[in-house]
Amino acid sequence: MKNWFRFTRAEREDIRRAGDASTIGWFFAAAIGIGFGLGYWVDSWAGTEPWGGAVGALLGIGAAFMNLFRVAKELSRDDEERR
């Protein structure tokens, strides 16, 4: 592995973009899990089982897709600027 400072600017940018893209999968799992967890907590507090968990999971899925589109837009914009 090369020393970080010996990478060219383009190589460092490619590494940064790969890191940004790799977070998408983790964010999907985290957003859905957190949404479901909060919904489950609401269910236990309000006695509305299973609706809180279902709504929380759906909100988590929505947040995950919003992040996916945001990251894709940033990567696309970066790609257009490099041309």
N, C-alpha and C. Protein backbone atom coordinates (compact mmCIF):
# COMPACT_ATOMS: atom_id res chain seq x y z
N MET A 1 0.86 -1.18 0.00
CA MET A 1 0.00 0.00 0.00
C MET A 1 0.90 1.23 0.00
N LYS A 2 0.52 2.17 -0.82
CA LYS A 2 1.29 3.40 -0.91
C LYS A 2 1.02 4.30 0.29
N ASN A 3 1.96 5.14 0.59
CA ASN A 3 1.78 6.17 1.59
C ASN A 3 0.68 7.12 1.08
N TRP A 4 -0.22 7.52 1.97
CA TRP A 4 -1.35 8.36 1.58
C TRP A 4 -0.90 9.60 0.82
N PHE A 5 0.19 10.20 1.22
CA PHE A 5 0.65 11.44 0.60
C PHE A 5 1.27 11.22 -0.77
N ARG A 6 1.56 9.98 -1.11
CA ARG A 6 2.14 9.68 -2.43
C ARG A 6 1.09 9.38 -3.48
N PHE A 7 -0.16 9.30 -3.08
CA PHE A 7 -1.24 9.14 -4.05
C PHE A 7 -1.41 10.44 -4.82
N THR A 8 -1.80 10.33 -6.06
CA THR A 8 -2.11 11.54 -6.82
C THR A 8 -3.44 12.08 -6.33
N ARG A 9 -3.72 13.30 -6.69
CA ARG A 9 -5.00 13.91 -6.30
C ARG A 9 -6.17 13.09 -6.82
N ALA A 10 -6.09 12.61 -8.05
CA ALA A 10 -7.17 11.81 -8.63
C ALA A 10 -7.35 10.50 -7.88
N GLU A 11 -6.23 9.86 -7.47
CA GLU A 11 -6.34 8.61 -6.72
C GLU A 11 -6.97 8.85 -5.35
N ARG A 12 -6.60 9.92 -4.68
CA ARG A 12 -7.20 10.23 -3.38
C ARG A 12 -8.69 10.50 -3.53
N GLU A 13 -9.06 11.19 -4.58
CA GLU A 13 -10.48 11.48 -4.83
C GLU A 13 -11.26 10.19 -5.10
N ASP A 14 -10.66 9.27 -5.86
CA ASP A 14 -11.32 7.98 -6.12
C ASP A 14 -11.51 7.19 -4.83
N ILE A 15 -10.53 7.21 -3.95
CA ILE A 15 -10.64 6.52 -2.67
C ILE A 15 -11.74 7.14 -1.82
N ARG A 16 -11.81 8.46 -1.80
CA ARG A 16 -12.86 9.14 -1.03
C ARG A 16 -14.24 8.79 -1.57
N ARG A 17 -14.39 8.78 -2.89
CA ARG A 17 -15.68 8.46 -3.50
C ARG A 17 -16.08 7.01 -3.23
N ALA A 18 -15.11 6.10 -3.25
CA ALA A 18 -15.41 4.70 -2.94
C ALA A 18 -15.87 4.56 -1.49
N GLY A 19 -15.25 5.31 -0.59
CA GLY A 19 -15.68 5.30 0.80
C GLY A 19 -17.09 5.83 0.97
N ASP A 20 -17.41 6.91 0.26
CA ASP A 20 -18.77 7.45 0.31
C ASP A 20 -19.78 6.43 -0.19
N ALA A 21 -19.46 5.76 -1.28
CA ALA A 21 -20.39 4.79 -1.86
C ALA A 21 -20.54 3.57 -0.95
N SER A 22 -19.49 3.19 -0.25
CA SER A 22 -19.55 2.00 0.59
C SER A 22 -20.41 2.20 1.84
N THR A 23 -20.72 3.42 2.20
CA THR A 23 -21.54 3.66 3.38
C THR A 23 -23.03 3.42 3.13
N ILE A 24 -23.41 3.30 1.87
CA ILE A 24 -24.83 3.17 1.55
C ILE A 24 -25.44 1.93 2.20
N GLY A 25 -24.78 0.79 2.07
CA GLY A 25 -25.32 -0.45 2.64
C GLY A 25 -25.46 -0.39 4.15
N TRP A 26 -24.44 0.15 4.83
CA TRP A 26 -24.52 0.28 6.28
C TRP A 26 -25.64 1.22 6.70
N PHE A 27 -25.81 2.29 5.93
CA PHE A 27 -26.86 3.25 6.29
C PHE A 27 -28.23 2.62 6.12
N PHE A 28 -28.42 1.79 5.07
CA PHE A 28 -29.70 1.12 4.88
C PHE A 28 -30.04 0.29 6.12
N ALA A 29 -29.10 -0.54 6.55
CA ALA A 29 -29.35 -1.40 7.70
C ALA A 29 -29.61 -0.58 8.97
N ALA A 30 -28.81 0.44 9.19
CA ALA A 30 -28.95 1.25 10.40
C ALA A 30 -30.27 2.02 10.40
N ALA A 31 -30.64 2.61 9.28
CA ALA A 31 -31.87 3.40 9.23
C ALA A 31 -33.10 2.53 9.47
N ILE A 32 -33.13 1.36 8.85
CA ILE A 32 -34.28 0.47 9.04
C ILE A 32 -34.31 -0.05 10.47
N GLY A 33 -33.15 -0.43 10.99
CA GLY A 33 -33.10 -0.94 12.37
C GLY A 33 -33.50 0.11 13.39
N ILE A 34 -33.00 1.31 13.23
CA ILE A 34 -33.35 2.38 14.17
C ILE A 34 -34.83 2.73 14.04
N GLY A 35 -35.34 2.81 12.82
CA GLY A 35 -36.76 3.10 12.63
C GLY A 35 -37.64 2.04 13.27
N PHE A 36 -37.30 0.78 13.04
CA PHE A 36 -38.08 -0.30 13.64
C PHE A 36 -37.96 -0.27 15.16
N GLY A 37 -36.75 -0.04 15.66
CA GLY A 37 -36.54 0.01 17.11
C GLY A 37 -37.36 1.10 17.78
N LEU A 38 -37.37 2.28 17.18
CA LEU A 38 -38.18 3.36 17.74
C LEU A 38 -39.67 3.04 17.64
N GLY A 39 -40.09 2.43 16.53
CA GLY A 39 -41.49 2.03 16.39
C GLY A 39 -41.87 0.97 17.41
N TYR A 40 -40.98 0.04 17.66
CA TYR A 40 -41.23 -1.00 18.66
C TYR A 40 -41.36 -0.39 20.05
N TRP A 41 -40.50 0.61 20.33
CA TRP A 41 -40.59 1.30 21.62
C TRP A 41 -41.93 2.03 21.76
N VAL A 42 -42.37 2.68 20.68
CA VAL A 42 -43.68 3.35 20.70
C VAL A 42 -44.78 2.32 20.94
N ASP A 43 -44.67 1.15 20.29
CA ASP A 43 -45.66 0.09 20.50
C ASP A 43 -45.73 -0.33 21.96
N SER A 44 -44.58 -0.52 22.58
CA SER A 44 -44.59 -0.96 23.98
C SER A 44 -45.12 0.13 24.90
N TRP A 45 -44.91 1.37 24.54
CA TRP A 45 -45.38 2.49 25.36
C TRP A 45 -46.87 2.74 25.17
N ALA A 46 -47.34 2.67 23.90
CA ALA A 46 -48.73 3.01 23.60
C ALA A 46 -49.63 1.79 23.44
N GLY A 47 -49.04 0.60 23.37
CA GLY A 47 -49.86 -0.60 23.21
C GLY A 47 -50.49 -0.72 21.84
N THR A 48 -49.80 -0.29 20.81
CA THR A 48 -50.34 -0.29 19.44
C THR A 48 -49.70 -1.35 18.56
N GLU A 49 -49.15 -2.39 19.16
CA GLU A 49 -48.42 -3.41 18.41
C GLU A 49 -49.27 -3.97 17.28
N PRO A 50 -48.85 -4.16 16.11
CA PRO A 50 -47.53 -4.05 15.49
C PRO A 50 -47.36 -2.77 14.66
N TRP A 51 -48.25 -1.83 14.81
CA TRP A 51 -48.26 -0.68 13.89
C TRP A 51 -47.05 0.23 14.06
N GLY A 52 -46.59 0.45 15.25
CA GLY A 52 -45.43 1.32 15.46
C GLY A 52 -44.18 0.78 14.80
N GLY A 53 -43.95 -0.52 14.95
CA GLY A 53 -42.79 -1.15 14.32
C GLY A 53 -42.87 -1.07 12.80
N ALA A 54 -44.05 -1.31 12.26
CA ALA A 54 -44.22 -1.26 10.81
C ALA A 54 -44.02 0.15 10.28
N VAL A 55 -44.61 1.13 10.94
CA VAL A 55 -44.45 2.53 10.50
C VAL A 55 -42.99 2.97 10.67
N GLY A 56 -42.37 2.59 11.78
CA GLY A 56 -40.97 2.93 12.00
C GLY A 56 -40.06 2.34 10.93
N ALA A 57 -40.31 1.08 10.58
CA ALA A 57 -39.51 0.43 9.53
C ALA A 57 -39.72 1.13 8.19
N LEU A 58 -40.95 1.50 7.88
CA LEU A 58 -41.22 2.21 6.62
C LEU A 58 -40.54 3.58 6.60
N LEU A 59 -40.55 4.28 7.72
CA LEU A 59 -39.85 5.56 7.78
C LEU A 59 -38.35 5.36 7.64
N GLY A 60 -37.82 4.28 8.22
CA GLY A 60 -36.41 3.96 8.06
C GLY A 60 -36.05 3.66 6.62
N ILE A 61 -36.91 2.92 5.93
CA ILE A 61 -36.69 2.63 4.51
C ILE A 61 -36.70 3.92 3.71
N GLY A 62 -37.63 4.81 4.02
CA GLY A 62 -37.69 6.11 3.33
C GLY A 62 -36.42 6.91 3.55
N ALA A 63 -35.94 6.94 4.79
CA ALA A 63 -34.70 7.67 5.09
C ALA A 63 -33.51 7.05 4.36
N ALA A 64 -33.48 5.72 4.28
CA ALA A 64 -32.39 5.03 3.58
C ALA A 64 -32.38 5.38 2.10
N PHE A 65 -33.56 5.40 1.47
CA PHE A 65 -33.61 5.75 0.05
C PHE A 65 -33.27 7.22 -0.18
N MET A 66 -33.68 8.09 0.73
CA MET A 66 -33.29 9.49 0.59
C MET A 66 -31.77 9.64 0.63
N ASN A 67 -31.12 8.91 1.53
CA ASN A 67 -29.67 8.95 1.61
C ASN A 67 -29.04 8.36 0.35
N LEU A 68 -29.62 7.28 -0.17
CA LEU A 68 -29.11 6.68 -1.40
C LEU A 68 -29.12 7.69 -2.54
N PHE A 69 -30.23 8.39 -2.71
CA PHE A 69 -30.33 9.38 -3.78
C PHE A 69 -29.38 10.55 -3.56
N ARG A 70 -29.19 10.96 -2.30
CA ARG A 70 -28.28 12.05 -2.00
C ARG A 70 -26.84 11.68 -2.36
N VAL A 71 -26.42 10.50 -1.95
CA VAL A 71 -25.06 10.05 -2.24
C VAL A 71 -24.87 9.87 -3.74
N ALA A 72 -25.86 9.28 -4.41
CA ALA A 72 -25.75 9.08 -5.86
C ALA A 72 -25.66 10.42 -6.59
N LYS A 73 -26.41 11.41 -6.12
CA LYS A 73 -26.36 12.73 -6.74
C LYS A 73 -24.99 13.36 -6.55
N GLU A 74 -24.43 13.25 -5.35
CA GLU A 74 -23.10 13.81 -5.09
C GLU A 74 -22.04 13.13 -5.94
N LEU A 75 -22.10 11.80 -6.02
CA LEU A 75 -21.11 11.07 -6.82
C LEU A 75 -21.25 11.40 -8.30
N SER A 76 -22.48 11.58 -8.76
CA SER A 76 -22.71 11.94 -10.17
C SER A 76 -22.18 13.34 -10.44
N ARG A 77 -22.42 14.26 -9.52
CA ARG A 77 -21.93 15.63 -9.69
C ARG A 77 -20.40 15.65 -9.70
N ASP A 78 -19.78 14.88 -8.80
CA ASP A 78 -18.32 14.79 -8.77
C ASP A 78 -17.78 14.23 -10.08
N ASP A 79 -18.49 13.23 -10.62
CA ASP A 79 -18.05 12.62 -11.86
C ASP A 79 -18.14 13.61 -13.02
N GLU A 80 -19.21 14.41 -13.06
CA GLU A 80 -19.37 15.41 -14.12
C GLU A 80 -18.31 16.49 -14.01
N GLU A 81 -17.93 16.87 -12.80
CA GLU A 81 -16.91 17.90 -12.61
C GLU A 81 -15.53 17.43 -13.05
N ARG A 82 -15.30 16.13 -12.97
CA ARG A 82 -14.00 15.59 -13.37
C ARG A 82 -13.82 15.55 -14.88
N ARG A 83 -14.90 15.63 -15.60
CA ARG A 83 -14.81 15.55 -17.07
C ARG A 83 -14.40 16.86 -17.66
